[in-house]
N, C-alpha and C. Protein backbone atom coordinates (compact mmCIF):
# COMPACT_ATOMS: atom_id res chain seq x y z
N MET A 1 104.53 121.06 90.18
CA MET A 1 104.34 119.80 90.87
C MET A 1 103.49 118.88 89.99
N TYR A 2 103.85 117.61 90.06
CA TYR A 2 103.09 116.61 89.32
C TYR A 2 101.86 116.22 90.12
N PRO A 3 100.77 115.88 89.44
CA PRO A 3 99.60 115.40 90.18
C PRO A 3 99.95 114.13 90.95
N GLU A 4 99.52 114.07 92.17
CA GLU A 4 99.87 112.93 93.04
C GLU A 4 99.40 111.60 92.43
N GLU A 5 98.25 111.60 91.77
CA GLU A 5 97.77 110.35 91.17
C GLU A 5 98.68 109.87 90.04
N LEU A 6 99.41 110.78 89.41
CA LEU A 6 100.36 110.41 88.37
C LEU A 6 101.59 109.74 88.96
N ILE A 7 102.09 110.29 90.06
CA ILE A 7 103.35 109.76 90.60
C ILE A 7 103.17 108.69 91.66
N ALA A 8 101.94 108.46 92.11
CA ALA A 8 101.70 107.44 93.15
C ALA A 8 102.29 106.08 92.78
N PRO A 9 102.13 105.60 91.55
CA PRO A 9 102.74 104.30 91.22
C PRO A 9 104.27 104.33 91.27
N MET A 10 104.85 105.49 90.94
CA MET A 10 106.31 105.64 90.98
C MET A 10 106.81 105.65 92.42
N ARG A 11 106.05 106.27 93.30
CA ARG A 11 106.38 106.23 94.72
C ARG A 11 106.27 104.79 95.24
N ALA A 12 105.20 104.12 94.82
CA ALA A 12 104.92 102.77 95.31
C ALA A 12 106.00 101.77 94.90
N GLU A 13 106.64 101.99 93.77
CA GLU A 13 107.72 101.08 93.35
C GLU A 13 108.79 100.97 94.42
N LEU A 14 109.09 102.08 95.07
CA LEU A 14 110.12 102.06 96.11
C LEU A 14 109.54 101.73 97.49
N SER A 15 108.39 102.29 97.82
CA SER A 15 107.82 102.01 99.15
C SER A 15 107.46 100.53 99.28
N SER A 16 107.12 99.87 98.18
CA SER A 16 106.76 98.45 98.25
C SER A 16 107.94 97.54 98.57
N VAL A 17 109.17 98.07 98.42
CA VAL A 17 110.35 97.27 98.78
C VAL A 17 111.04 97.83 100.03
N GLY A 18 110.30 98.64 100.81
CA GLY A 18 110.81 99.06 102.11
C GLY A 18 111.32 100.48 102.22
N PHE A 19 111.16 101.30 101.20
CA PHE A 19 111.63 102.68 101.28
C PHE A 19 110.63 103.55 102.03
N GLU A 20 111.14 104.35 102.95
CA GLU A 20 110.35 105.33 103.69
C GLU A 20 110.38 106.63 102.91
N GLU A 21 109.23 107.28 102.79
CA GLU A 21 109.17 108.53 102.06
C GLU A 21 109.44 109.71 102.98
N PHE A 22 110.42 110.52 102.61
CA PHE A 22 110.69 111.77 103.29
C PHE A 22 110.06 112.86 102.42
N ARG A 23 109.01 113.49 102.93
CA ARG A 23 108.31 114.49 102.13
C ARG A 23 108.58 115.92 102.60
N THR A 24 109.26 116.07 103.73
CA THR A 24 109.56 117.41 104.24
C THR A 24 111.05 117.55 104.53
N ALA A 25 111.49 118.80 104.54
CA ALA A 25 112.88 119.08 104.89
C ALA A 25 113.17 118.62 106.31
N GLU A 26 112.19 118.75 107.19
CA GLU A 26 112.38 118.36 108.58
C GLU A 26 112.65 116.85 108.70
N GLN A 27 111.94 116.05 107.92
CA GLN A 27 112.17 114.61 107.96
C GLN A 27 113.60 114.27 107.53
N VAL A 28 114.07 114.92 106.48
CA VAL A 28 115.44 114.69 106.00
C VAL A 28 116.44 115.15 107.06
N ALA A 29 116.26 116.36 107.56
CA ALA A 29 117.20 116.92 108.54
C ALA A 29 117.23 116.11 109.82
N THR A 30 116.07 115.68 110.28
CA THR A 30 116.01 114.91 111.52
C THR A 30 116.71 113.57 111.35
N HIS A 31 116.43 112.89 110.25
CA HIS A 31 117.03 111.57 110.06
C HIS A 31 118.53 111.64 109.80
N LEU A 32 118.96 112.59 108.98
CA LEU A 32 120.37 112.67 108.58
C LEU A 32 121.14 113.71 109.38
N GLY A 33 120.63 114.10 110.52
CA GLY A 33 121.28 115.09 111.35
C GLY A 33 122.55 114.57 112.00
N PRO A 34 123.13 115.37 112.88
CA PRO A 34 124.43 115.03 113.48
C PRO A 34 124.41 113.75 114.33
N ASP A 35 123.24 113.33 114.75
CA ASP A 35 123.16 112.11 115.55
C ASP A 35 122.89 110.85 114.72
N HIS A 36 122.90 111.00 113.40
CA HIS A 36 122.62 109.86 112.51
C HIS A 36 123.64 108.75 112.73
N LYS A 37 123.13 107.56 112.96
CA LYS A 37 123.98 106.37 113.11
C LYS A 37 123.53 105.33 112.11
N GLY A 38 124.46 104.56 111.63
CA GLY A 38 124.15 103.53 110.65
C GLY A 38 124.25 104.07 109.24
N THR A 39 123.62 103.36 108.32
CA THR A 39 123.68 103.74 106.91
C THR A 39 122.27 104.01 106.39
N THR A 40 122.17 105.01 105.54
CA THR A 40 120.89 105.37 104.93
C THR A 40 121.11 105.61 103.45
N LEU A 41 120.34 104.90 102.63
CA LEU A 41 120.32 105.16 101.20
C LEU A 41 119.09 106.01 100.91
N VAL A 42 119.31 107.16 100.28
CA VAL A 42 118.21 108.02 99.88
C VAL A 42 118.19 108.09 98.35
N VAL A 43 117.06 107.72 97.78
CA VAL A 43 116.88 107.78 96.33
C VAL A 43 116.06 109.02 96.00
N VAL A 44 116.61 109.84 95.10
CA VAL A 44 115.85 110.97 94.57
C VAL A 44 115.07 110.40 93.38
N ASN A 45 113.79 110.16 93.60
CA ASN A 45 112.91 109.58 92.60
C ASN A 45 112.50 110.66 91.61
N SER A 46 112.09 110.22 90.43
CA SER A 46 111.77 111.16 89.36
C SER A 46 110.81 110.53 88.37
N VAL A 47 110.15 111.36 87.56
CA VAL A 47 109.24 110.86 86.53
C VAL A 47 109.97 110.51 85.23
N CYS A 48 111.24 110.81 85.13
CA CYS A 48 111.95 110.64 83.86
C CYS A 48 112.11 109.17 83.48
N GLY A 49 112.43 108.96 82.24
CA GLY A 49 112.59 107.61 81.71
C GLY A 49 113.71 106.82 82.35
N CYS A 50 114.82 107.48 82.69
CA CYS A 50 115.92 106.72 83.30
C CYS A 50 115.59 106.31 84.73
N ALA A 51 114.68 107.03 85.39
CA ALA A 51 114.22 106.59 86.71
C ALA A 51 113.36 105.35 86.56
N ALA A 52 112.48 105.36 85.56
CA ALA A 52 111.57 104.24 85.35
C ALA A 52 112.28 103.01 84.82
N GLY A 53 113.22 103.23 83.88
CA GLY A 53 113.85 102.10 83.23
C GLY A 53 115.07 101.54 83.93
N ALA A 54 115.74 102.36 84.72
CA ALA A 54 117.00 101.91 85.32
C ALA A 54 117.11 102.17 86.82
N ALA A 55 116.80 103.38 87.28
CA ALA A 55 117.04 103.72 88.69
C ALA A 55 116.16 102.92 89.64
N ARG A 56 114.85 103.01 89.50
CA ARG A 56 113.97 102.29 90.43
C ARG A 56 114.15 100.78 90.31
N PRO A 57 114.16 100.22 89.10
CA PRO A 57 114.40 98.76 89.02
C PRO A 57 115.79 98.36 89.52
N GLY A 58 116.78 99.20 89.31
CA GLY A 58 118.14 98.88 89.77
C GLY A 58 118.25 98.87 91.28
N VAL A 59 117.67 99.86 91.93
CA VAL A 59 117.73 99.91 93.38
C VAL A 59 116.89 98.79 93.99
N THR A 60 115.78 98.46 93.34
CA THR A 60 114.97 97.34 93.80
C THR A 60 115.74 96.04 93.70
N TYR A 61 116.42 95.83 92.59
CA TYR A 61 117.26 94.64 92.41
C TYR A 61 118.30 94.56 93.53
N ALA A 62 118.96 95.67 93.82
CA ALA A 62 120.00 95.67 94.85
C ALA A 62 119.43 95.33 96.22
N VAL A 63 118.31 95.94 96.56
CA VAL A 63 117.70 95.70 97.87
C VAL A 63 117.26 94.23 98.00
N GLU A 64 116.75 93.67 96.92
CA GLU A 64 116.27 92.30 96.97
C GLU A 64 117.38 91.25 96.87
N ASN A 65 118.57 91.64 96.37
CA ASN A 65 119.62 90.66 96.12
C ASN A 65 120.90 90.84 96.91
N SER A 66 121.02 91.92 97.63
CA SER A 66 122.25 92.15 98.40
C SER A 66 122.17 91.47 99.76
N PRO A 67 123.21 90.75 100.15
CA PRO A 67 123.21 90.16 101.48
C PRO A 67 123.39 91.21 102.58
N VAL A 68 123.89 92.38 102.21
CA VAL A 68 124.10 93.49 103.15
C VAL A 68 123.30 94.68 102.63
N LYS A 69 122.55 95.30 103.51
CA LYS A 69 121.71 96.43 103.10
C LYS A 69 121.92 97.61 104.04
N PRO A 70 121.60 98.81 103.56
CA PRO A 70 121.63 99.97 104.46
C PRO A 70 120.64 99.78 105.61
N THR A 71 120.93 100.41 106.73
CA THR A 71 120.05 100.37 107.88
C THR A 71 118.68 100.94 107.53
N THR A 72 118.67 102.04 106.77
CA THR A 72 117.43 102.72 106.39
C THR A 72 117.42 102.95 104.89
N LEU A 73 116.25 102.74 104.29
CA LEU A 73 116.02 103.05 102.89
C LEU A 73 115.01 104.19 102.86
N ALA A 74 115.33 105.25 102.14
CA ALA A 74 114.45 106.42 102.10
C ALA A 74 114.39 106.97 100.69
N THR A 75 113.38 107.77 100.43
CA THR A 75 113.22 108.37 99.12
C THR A 75 112.58 109.75 99.24
N VAL A 76 112.94 110.61 98.31
CA VAL A 76 112.30 111.91 98.12
C VAL A 76 111.93 111.99 96.64
N PHE A 77 110.89 112.75 96.31
CA PHE A 77 110.44 112.81 94.92
C PHE A 77 110.70 114.19 94.35
N ALA A 78 111.58 114.25 93.35
CA ALA A 78 111.90 115.51 92.69
C ALA A 78 110.66 116.07 92.01
N GLY A 79 110.43 117.35 92.19
CA GLY A 79 109.28 117.99 91.59
C GLY A 79 108.05 118.00 92.47
N ASN A 80 108.04 117.19 93.52
CA ASN A 80 106.89 117.16 94.43
C ASN A 80 107.30 117.41 95.88
N ASP A 81 108.28 116.68 96.35
CA ASP A 81 108.74 116.85 97.74
C ASP A 81 109.85 117.91 97.73
N ARG A 82 109.52 119.10 97.26
CA ARG A 82 110.53 120.12 96.97
C ARG A 82 111.42 120.47 98.16
N ASP A 83 110.84 120.70 99.31
CA ASP A 83 111.64 121.07 100.47
C ASP A 83 112.54 119.92 100.91
N ALA A 84 112.02 118.71 100.84
CA ALA A 84 112.82 117.54 101.20
C ALA A 84 113.97 117.36 100.23
N VAL A 85 113.69 117.52 98.94
CA VAL A 85 114.74 117.38 97.92
C VAL A 85 115.80 118.47 98.11
N GLU A 86 115.36 119.69 98.36
CA GLU A 86 116.31 120.79 98.56
C GLU A 86 117.22 120.52 99.76
N LYS A 87 116.65 120.04 100.85
CA LYS A 87 117.45 119.74 102.04
C LYS A 87 118.44 118.61 101.74
N LEU A 88 117.98 117.57 101.07
CA LEU A 88 118.88 116.48 100.72
C LEU A 88 120.01 116.99 99.83
N ARG A 89 119.69 117.82 98.87
CA ARG A 89 120.73 118.36 97.97
C ARG A 89 121.76 119.18 98.74
N GLU A 90 121.33 119.89 99.76
CA GLU A 90 122.29 120.62 100.62
C GLU A 90 123.27 119.63 101.25
N LEU A 91 122.74 118.49 101.70
CA LEU A 91 123.57 117.50 102.37
C LEU A 91 124.47 116.74 101.40
N CYS A 92 124.18 116.85 100.11
CA CYS A 92 124.96 116.14 99.09
C CYS A 92 125.99 117.02 98.39
N LEU A 93 126.12 118.27 98.83
CA LEU A 93 127.14 119.14 98.25
C LEU A 93 128.52 118.52 98.45
N PRO A 94 129.42 118.62 97.52
CA PRO A 94 129.46 119.53 96.38
C PRO A 94 128.82 118.98 95.10
N TYR A 95 128.13 117.85 95.17
CA TYR A 95 127.47 117.33 93.97
C TYR A 95 126.35 118.27 93.55
N PRO A 96 126.22 118.50 92.24
CA PRO A 96 125.14 119.37 91.77
C PRO A 96 123.80 118.65 91.84
N PRO A 97 122.69 119.40 91.79
CA PRO A 97 121.37 118.78 91.80
C PRO A 97 121.25 117.75 90.68
N SER A 98 120.65 116.63 91.00
CA SER A 98 120.52 115.55 90.04
C SER A 98 119.28 114.74 90.38
N SER A 99 118.50 114.41 89.36
CA SER A 99 117.40 113.49 89.58
C SER A 99 117.19 112.69 88.29
N PRO A 100 117.11 111.40 88.43
CA PRO A 100 117.22 110.66 89.68
C PRO A 100 118.65 110.68 90.20
N ALA A 101 118.79 110.28 91.45
CA ALA A 101 120.10 110.18 92.08
C ALA A 101 119.97 109.25 93.28
N MET A 102 121.11 108.81 93.79
CA MET A 102 121.14 107.95 94.97
C MET A 102 122.28 108.40 95.86
N ALA A 103 121.98 108.58 97.13
CA ALA A 103 122.99 109.05 98.09
C ALA A 103 123.04 108.08 99.27
N LEU A 104 124.24 107.62 99.58
CA LEU A 104 124.42 106.74 100.73
C LEU A 104 125.15 107.51 101.82
N PHE A 105 124.54 107.56 102.99
CA PHE A 105 125.11 108.23 104.16
C PHE A 105 125.49 107.17 105.17
N LYS A 106 126.62 107.40 105.83
CA LYS A 106 127.05 106.52 106.92
C LYS A 106 127.41 107.40 108.10
N ASP A 107 126.74 107.15 109.22
CA ASP A 107 126.97 107.94 110.44
C ASP A 107 126.95 109.44 110.15
N GLY A 108 125.98 109.86 109.34
CA GLY A 108 125.78 111.27 109.06
C GLY A 108 126.61 111.87 107.95
N GLU A 109 127.49 111.09 107.34
CA GLU A 109 128.34 111.61 106.27
C GLU A 109 127.99 110.97 104.94
N LEU A 110 127.98 111.77 103.89
CA LEU A 110 127.77 111.25 102.55
C LEU A 110 129.01 110.45 102.15
N VAL A 111 128.82 109.17 101.83
CA VAL A 111 129.96 108.32 101.49
C VAL A 111 129.94 107.84 100.04
N HIS A 112 128.78 107.93 99.38
CA HIS A 112 128.70 107.52 97.98
C HIS A 112 127.52 108.24 97.34
N PHE A 113 127.73 108.70 96.10
CA PHE A 113 126.66 109.43 95.40
C PHE A 113 126.63 108.98 93.95
N ILE A 114 125.44 108.67 93.47
CA ILE A 114 125.24 108.28 92.08
C ILE A 114 124.39 109.35 91.42
N GLU A 115 125.00 110.04 90.46
CA GLU A 115 124.31 111.11 89.75
C GLU A 115 123.56 110.57 88.54
N ARG A 116 122.68 111.40 88.01
CA ARG A 116 121.89 111.02 86.85
C ARG A 116 122.78 110.51 85.70
N HIS A 117 123.90 111.19 85.45
CA HIS A 117 124.74 110.76 84.32
C HIS A 117 125.38 109.38 84.56
N HIS A 118 125.36 108.90 85.80
CA HIS A 118 125.82 107.53 86.08
C HIS A 118 124.69 106.52 85.90
N ILE A 119 123.47 107.02 85.77
CA ILE A 119 122.29 106.16 85.60
C ILE A 119 121.93 106.06 84.11
N GLU A 120 121.95 107.20 83.43
CA GLU A 120 121.60 107.23 82.01
C GLU A 120 122.51 106.29 81.22
N GLY A 121 121.91 105.53 80.33
CA GLY A 121 122.68 104.65 79.46
C GLY A 121 123.08 103.34 80.10
N ARG A 122 122.69 103.13 81.34
CA ARG A 122 122.98 101.86 82.02
C ARG A 122 121.66 101.16 82.30
N ASN A 123 121.71 99.84 82.32
CA ASN A 123 120.47 99.12 82.60
C ASN A 123 120.33 98.87 84.10
N ALA A 124 119.16 98.40 84.48
CA ALA A 124 118.85 98.21 85.90
C ALA A 124 119.82 97.23 86.57
N LYS A 125 120.20 96.18 85.88
CA LYS A 125 121.11 95.19 86.47
C LYS A 125 122.47 95.80 86.75
N MET A 126 122.96 96.61 85.83
CA MET A 126 124.26 97.28 86.05
C MET A 126 124.21 98.17 87.29
N ILE A 127 123.14 98.94 87.41
CA ILE A 127 122.99 99.82 88.57
C ILE A 127 122.83 98.99 89.83
N GLY A 128 122.01 97.95 89.76
CA GLY A 128 121.81 97.08 90.92
C GLY A 128 123.09 96.40 91.36
N ASP A 129 123.86 95.89 90.42
CA ASP A 129 125.14 95.24 90.77
C ASP A 129 126.10 96.23 91.41
N HIS A 130 126.13 97.45 90.88
CA HIS A 130 126.98 98.48 91.48
C HIS A 130 126.55 98.77 92.92
N LEU A 131 125.25 98.91 93.14
CA LEU A 131 124.75 99.18 94.49
C LEU A 131 125.05 98.03 95.45
N VAL A 132 124.96 96.80 94.98
CA VAL A 132 125.31 95.66 95.85
C VAL A 132 126.75 95.80 96.31
N GLU A 133 127.67 96.17 95.42
CA GLU A 133 129.07 96.37 95.81
C GLU A 133 129.21 97.52 96.80
N VAL A 134 128.48 98.60 96.56
CA VAL A 134 128.52 99.76 97.47
C VAL A 134 128.01 99.35 98.84
N PHE A 135 126.90 98.61 98.90
CA PHE A 135 126.36 98.15 100.18
C PHE A 135 127.37 97.27 100.91
N GLU A 136 127.99 96.35 100.19
CA GLU A 136 128.97 95.46 100.81
C GLU A 136 130.16 96.24 101.37
N HIS A 137 130.55 97.30 100.68
CA HIS A 137 131.69 98.10 101.14
C HIS A 137 131.36 98.98 102.34
N PHE A 138 130.22 99.65 102.29
CA PHE A 138 129.92 100.65 103.32
C PHE A 138 128.96 100.17 104.42
N CYS A 139 128.19 99.12 104.16
CA CYS A 139 127.14 98.74 105.11
C CYS A 139 127.47 97.48 105.91
N ALA A 140 128.59 96.86 105.62
CA ALA A 140 128.94 95.61 106.31
C ALA A 140 129.34 95.88 107.75
């Protein structure tokens, strides 16, 4: 686990734009359970360079610039919120574990998933523009 003081600014990048932190498996399971209604974007946050340079800025761009947004914005932190991340990864099968990653759920079903290899090598604007299109398609 990373020291909390190290990752606090990385957590704050997302919480400052409206993301709720899911730190336990119970929080993930309760929110994304069978009674889930609406849309939820869950970002698997990470300390890696592609999270800092592209994933967090890209999702922030999308949230700030999309006319349509998910009902709920949530995040789990890989390496720290282990039980929450594990539960989310169960819900994202058959996709393999990935961090950073972004998962969009609609009415309890995974409808879009962005894996690390879709983040690496892309800039924040590219990721943000893609998310705006995803939001318009699934969240309208």
